[in-house]
Protein backbone atom coordinates (compact mmCIF):
# COMPACT_ATOMS: atom_id res chain seq x y z
CA UNK A 1 -8.81 8.21 10.29
CA UNK A 2 -7.41 7.54 6.86
CA UNK A 3 -3.89 7.88 6.21
CA UNK A 4 -1.41 8.06 3.25
CA UNK A 5 0.48 5.47 5.08
CA UNK A 6 -0.65 1.77 4.48
CA UNK A 7 0.34 -1.74 4.89
CA UNK A 8 0.88 -4.33 2.38
CA UNK A 9 0.41 -8.02 2.82
CA UNK A 10 1.24 -11.05 0.46
CA UNK A 11 4.12 -13.42 -0.57
CA UNK A 12 7.88 -13.37 -1.18
CA UNK A 13 9.28 -15.91 -3.38
CA UNK A 14 13.03 -17.02 -4.30
CA UNK A 15 13.96 -18.89 -6.93
CA UNK A 16 17.72 -20.04 -7.66
CA UNK A 17 18.49 -21.51 -11.15
CA UNK A 18 22.00 -22.12 -10.95
CA UNK A 19 24.40 -23.85 -9.91
CA UNK A 20 21.80 -25.65 -7.78
CA UNK A 21 18.12 -25.19 -8.13
CA UNK A 22 16.37 -24.05 -4.86
CA UNK A 23 13.02 -22.27 -4.51
CA UNK A 24 10.86 -21.41 -1.57
CA UNK A 25 8.04 -18.59 -0.81
CA UNK A 26 6.35 -17.53 2.43
CA UNK A 27 4.08 -14.85 3.62
CA UNK A 28 5.04 -11.39 4.65
CA UNK A 29 3.80 -7.82 5.44
CA UNK A 30 5.22 -4.46 4.95
CA UNK A 31 4.56 -0.94 5.91
CA UNK A 32 4.55 1.89 3.28
CA UNK A 33 5.20 4.91 5.44
CA UNK A 34 4.78 8.40 4.46
CA UNK A 35 7.44 10.48 5.91
CA UNK A 36 5.36 13.39 6.90
CA UNK A 37 2.86 10.90 8.66
CA UNK A 38 5.24 9.32 10.98
CA UNK A 39 4.56 11.70 13.92
CA UNK A 40 0.81 11.47 13.55
CA UNK A 41 0.96 7.42 13.19
CA UNK A 42 2.90 7.76 16.52
CA UNK A 43 0.32 9.68 18.19
CA UNK A 44 -2.96 8.33 16.84
CA UNK A 45 -2.04 4.59 16.52
CA UNK A 46 -2.06 2.56 19.69
CA UNK A 47 0.09 -0.39 18.28
CA UNK A 48 2.72 2.01 16.66
CA UNK A 49 5.44 4.21 18.24
CA UNK A 50 8.50 6.05 17.44
CA UNK A 51 11.10 5.88 20.22
CA UNK A 52 8.97 3.82 22.73
CA UNK A 53 8.59 0.27 23.27
CA UNK A 54 5.40 -1.16 21.39
CA UNK A 55 4.28 -3.98 19.10
CA UNK A 56 5.34 -2.00 16.08
CA UNK A 57 8.07 0.86 15.75
CA UNK A 58 10.05 2.96 13.43
CA UNK A 59 13.47 4.19 13.90
CA UNK A 60 15.05 6.61 11.65
CA UNK A 61 18.59 4.86 12.43
CA UNK A 62 17.63 1.90 10.29
CA UNK A 63 17.53 3.62 7.27
CA UNK A 64 19.18 6.23 5.06
CA UNK A 65 22.49 7.50 6.74
CA UNK A 66 22.24 5.22 9.85
CA UNK A 67 21.87 7.87 12.25
CA UNK A 68 18.98 9.60 14.07
CA UNK A 69 18.78 12.49 11.78
CA UNK A 70 15.80 13.40 9.66
CA UNK A 71 15.15 11.19 6.88
CA UNK A 72 13.97 13.61 4.35
CA UNK A 73 17.22 15.70 4.27
CA UNK A 74 19.17 12.31 3.40
CA UNK A 75 16.56 11.42 0.59
CA UNK A 76 16.90 14.58 -1.07
CA UNK A 77 20.71 14.57 -0.95
CA UNK A 78 21.03 11.55 -2.34
CA UNK A 79 18.34 12.38 -5.11
CA UNK A 80 20.51 15.59 -5.84
CA UNK A 81 23.46 13.54 -6.86
CA UNK A 82 21.12 11.80 -9.38
CA UNK A 83 19.77 15.49 -10.74
CA UNK A 84 16.55 14.66 -9.06
CA UNK A 85 14.77 17.50 -7.17
CA UNK A 86 11.23 16.67 -5.40
CA UNK A 87 10.10 20.62 -5.17
CA UNK A 88 8.28 19.43 -1.88
CA UNK A 89 6.72 16.21 -3.18
CA UNK A 90 6.00 13.41 -0.74
CA UNK A 91 8.44 10.49 0.07
CA UNK A 92 7.17 7.03 0.90
CA UNK A 93 9.14 4.13 2.19
CA UNK A 94 8.33 0.41 1.91
CA UNK A 95 10.03 -1.59 4.63
CA UNK A 96 9.46 -4.16 7.54
CA UNK A 97 8.37 -2.13 10.70
CA UNK A 98 10.30 -3.00 13.80
CA UNK A 99 8.37 -5.88 15.62
CA UNK A 100 8.87 -5.58 19.66
CA UNK A 101 11.98 -3.55 18.72
CA UNK A 102 13.58 -5.94 16.01
CA UNK A 103 13.85 -5.56 12.25
CA UNK A 104 16.14 -6.57 9.37
CA UNK A 105 15.27 -5.20 5.98
CA UNK A 106 17.19 -6.88 3.27
CA UNK A 107 15.57 -4.52 0.82
CA UNK A 108 13.71 -1.22 1.35
CA UNK A 109 12.22 0.78 -1.55
CA UNK A 110 11.79 4.77 -1.34
CA UNK A 111 9.12 6.09 -3.64
CA UNK A 112 9.71 9.66 -4.28
CA UNK A 113 7.15 12.24 -5.77
CA UNK A 114 6.76 15.55 -7.35
CA UNK A 115 4.61 18.05 -6.26
CA UNK A 116 1.98 16.81 -8.82
CA UNK A 117 2.05 13.49 -7.11
CA UNK A 118 4.20 12.32 -9.99
CA UNK A 119 6.68 9.52 -9.35
CA UNK A 120 10.12 11.17 -10.02
CA UNK A 121 12.58 8.80 -8.51
CA UNK A 122 13.09 5.27 -6.70
CA UNK A 123 15.76 4.36 -4.17
CA UNK A 124 16.56 0.78 -3.50
CA UNK A 125 18.24 0.48 -0.16
CA UNK A 126 19.93 -3.02 0.15
CA UNK A 127 21.29 -4.58 3.16
CA UNK A 128 23.19 -7.58 4.03
CA UNK A 129 23.43 -9.69 7.33
CA UNK A 130 27.15 -8.05 7.94
CA UNK A 131 25.49 -4.70 8.49
CA UNK A 132 26.65 -3.19 5.15
CA UNK A 133 24.25 -0.98 3.02
CA UNK A 134 24.18 0.30 -0.67
CA UNK A 135 21.69 2.34 -2.22
CA UNK A 136 20.58 2.53 -6.07
CA UNK A 137 19.06 5.66 -7.18
CA UNK A 138 16.78 5.63 -10.05
CA UNK A 139 15.31 8.93 -11.80
CA UNK A 140 12.02 8.12 -13.31
CA UNK A 141 9.90 9.96 -15.95
CA UNK A 142 6.35 8.83 -16.55
CA UNK A 143 4.92 5.28 -16.97
CA UNK A 144 3.31 2.82 -14.59
CA UNK A 145 6.03 0.18 -14.49
CA UNK A 146 9.60 0.60 -14.41
CA UNK A 147 12.49 -1.93 -15.49
CA UNK A 148 16.28 -1.27 -15.05
CA UNK A 149 19.65 -3.00 -14.91
CA UNK A 150 22.37 -1.89 -12.52
CA UNK A 151 25.88 -3.72 -11.73
CA UNK A 152 25.81 -5.52 -8.34
CA UNK A 153 27.86 -3.46 -5.77
CA UNK A 154 27.18 -4.97 -2.51
CA UNK A 155 27.94 -8.64 -1.23
CA UNK A 156 24.62 -10.08 -0.27
CA UNK A 157 24.63 -13.76 -0.65
CA UNK A 158 27.85 -15.93 0.24
CA UNK A 159 26.71 -18.18 -2.59
CA UNK A 160 26.92 -15.35 -5.35
CA UNK A 161 29.88 -13.70 -6.70
CA UNK A 162 30.03 -9.87 -7.15
CA UNK A 163 30.49 -10.10 -11.26
CA UNK A 164 26.72 -9.89 -11.52
CA UNK A 165 23.85 -7.66 -12.72
CA UNK A 166 20.61 -6.89 -11.06
CA UNK A 167 17.32 -6.34 -12.85
CA UNK A 168 14.87 -4.50 -10.97
CA UNK A 169 10.89 -4.32 -11.72
CA UNK A 170 8.28 -2.46 -10.03
CA UNK A 171 5.50 -0.10 -10.27
CA UNK A 172 3.46 2.42 -8.86
CA UNK A 173 1.90 1.60 -5.59
CA UNK A 174 -1.65 1.25 -5.61
CA UNK A 175 -4.29 -1.71 -4.45
CA UNK A 176 -1.34 -3.99 -5.43
CA UNK A 177 1.99 -3.73 -5.42
CA UNK A 178 4.82 -6.03 -6.94
CA UNK A 179 8.66 -6.03 -6.92
CA UNK A 180 10.84 -8.42 -9.01
CA UNK A 181 14.56 -8.61 -8.89
CA UNK A 182 16.76 -10.67 -11.21
CA UNK A 183 20.18 -11.64 -10.64
CA UNK A 184 22.35 -12.57 -13.92
CA UNK A 185 25.77 -13.13 -15.14
CA UNK A 186 27.30 -13.64 -18.36
CA UNK A 187 25.64 -17.04 -19.15
CA UNK A 188 21.98 -15.64 -18.15
CA UNK A 189 19.45 -15.59 -15.19
CA UNK A 190 21.12 -17.22 -11.54
CA UNK A 191 18.38 -15.87 -9.43
CA UNK A 192 14.81 -14.46 -9.10
CA UNK A 193 12.97 -12.80 -6.16
CA UNK A 194 9.63 -11.39 -6.44
CA UNK A 195 7.09 -9.71 -4.02
CA UNK A 196 3.24 -9.59 -4.67
CA UNK A 197 1.70 -7.62 -2.17
CA UNK A 198 -2.12 -6.29 -1.79
CA UNK A 199 -2.87 -3.21 0.24
CA UNK A 200 -4.38 -2.93 3.76
CA UNK A 201 -5.61 0.24 5.45
CA UNK A 202 -3.26 1.65 8.38
CA UNK A 203 -5.20 0.94 11.29
CA UNK A 204 -4.76 -0.63 14.75
CA UNK A 205 -7.32 -3.67 13.83
CA UNK A 206 -5.25 -4.40 10.69
CA UNK A 207 -1.95 -3.94 12.40
CA UNK A 208 -3.16 -6.62 15.02
CA UNK A 209 -4.30 -9.05 12.27
CA UNK A 210 -1.05 -9.25 10.06
CA UNK A 211 0.86 -9.70 13.41
CA UNK A 212 -1.67 -12.91 14.26
CA UNK A 213 -1.25 -14.20 10.59
CA UNK A 214 2.52 -13.62 10.49
CA UNK A 215 3.93 -13.27 14.02
CA UNK A 216 7.41 -11.95 14.54
CA UNK A 217 7.81 -11.53 10.77
CA UNK A 218 11.23 -9.56 11.34
CA UNK A 219 12.64 -12.64 13.15
CA UNK A 220 11.53 -15.01 10.76
CA UNK A 221 12.95 -13.15 7.85
CA UNK A 222 16.28 -13.32 9.49
CA UNK A 223 15.81 -16.86 10.52
CA UNK A 224 14.61 -17.83 6.99
CA UNK A 225 18.03 -16.09 5.29
CA UNK A 226 20.26 -18.64 7.69
CA UNK A 227 18.10 -21.69 7.22
CA UNK A 228 17.77 -21.27 3.35
CA UNK A 229 21.51 -20.74 3.19
CA UNK A 230 22.17 -23.98 5.26
CA UNK A 231 20.17 -25.70 2.79
CA UNK A 232 21.75 -24.14 -0.07
CA UNK A 233 25.06 -25.43 1.37
CA UNK A 234 23.89 -28.70 2.03
CA UNK A 235 22.90 -28.84 -1.91
CA UNK A 236 26.63 -28.36 -2.83
CA UNK A 237 26.38 -24.64 -3.53
CA UNK A 238 29.67 -23.05 -3.00
CA UNK A 239 30.47 -20.44 -0.40
CA UNK A 240 32.30 -17.48 -1.17
CA UNK A 241 33.78 -15.15 1.61
CA UNK A 242 32.42 -11.53 2.18
CA UNK A 243 34.59 -9.03 -0.05
CA UNK A 244 35.35 -5.51 1.54
CA UNK A 245 32.04 -3.24 0.93
CA UNK A 246 32.51 -0.36 -1.62
CA UNK A 247 33.49 3.03 -0.18
CA UNK A 248 30.65 4.60 -2.00
CA UNK A 249 27.33 3.97 -0.27
CA UNK A 250 24.95 4.80 -3.44
CA UNK A 251 25.03 4.09 -7.16
CA UNK A 252 23.19 6.18 -9.72
CA UNK A 253 21.53 4.13 -12.20
CA UNK A 254 22.17 5.89 -15.26
CA UNK A 255 20.97 5.44 -18.77
CA UNK A 256 17.72 4.25 -19.85
CA UNK A 257 14.83 3.70 -17.33
CA UNK A 258 12.31 1.82 -19.29
CA UNK A 259 8.36 2.57 -18.39
CA UNK A 260 6.21 -0.28 -19.94
């Protein structure tokens, strides 16, 4: 059976330009879940389950309001704050699945469509290793690739201050998918991160293949975060204590969303 949900395989790369140079990349894979298909995937895929032990899984509490409630109402209410309605259109989520019950998603991206399958909004869901989360909500009106700036609201890296700006660039998911994040301050670019991914059908065979190629990818992500932090500290990067997270859990990205 062919699903709207799919897999994406590729590489993530991080490059820090200041105050010390630091660069690394590694292979990853993501799932693009169509929310309306989750129960079908649970029933028809042998290696994927919701609420049961398996090689792969999905838990609604990992996203949205961090509870066991349905995710679509959270998406719709979050978008309503930005003046966006989906009128029954589909919602998809790019994220790491749980692998043997464990997951950590530094960033997940919601692609939210209207009834004619036109992209209407993006939600960037950012988390840090302290358990804090913040979402950046962007209305979209046409185009294939989208670039927009937003003031950083959540402490993520202990080597970056809060007075910085994100620039997100992404496009419509297709056979390939890219996401670029640039972090800047008043003196220019500090840090760049990028995903370059290629689509694979969501099948048991492909789920097993990506596991063999990138075993325990979710544990590798959290391990890489701490290992690269240690390397940065040894290079002389200054450590900053975690500030109190903002009371608001979402930021509406106003102004111009630039398709190009």
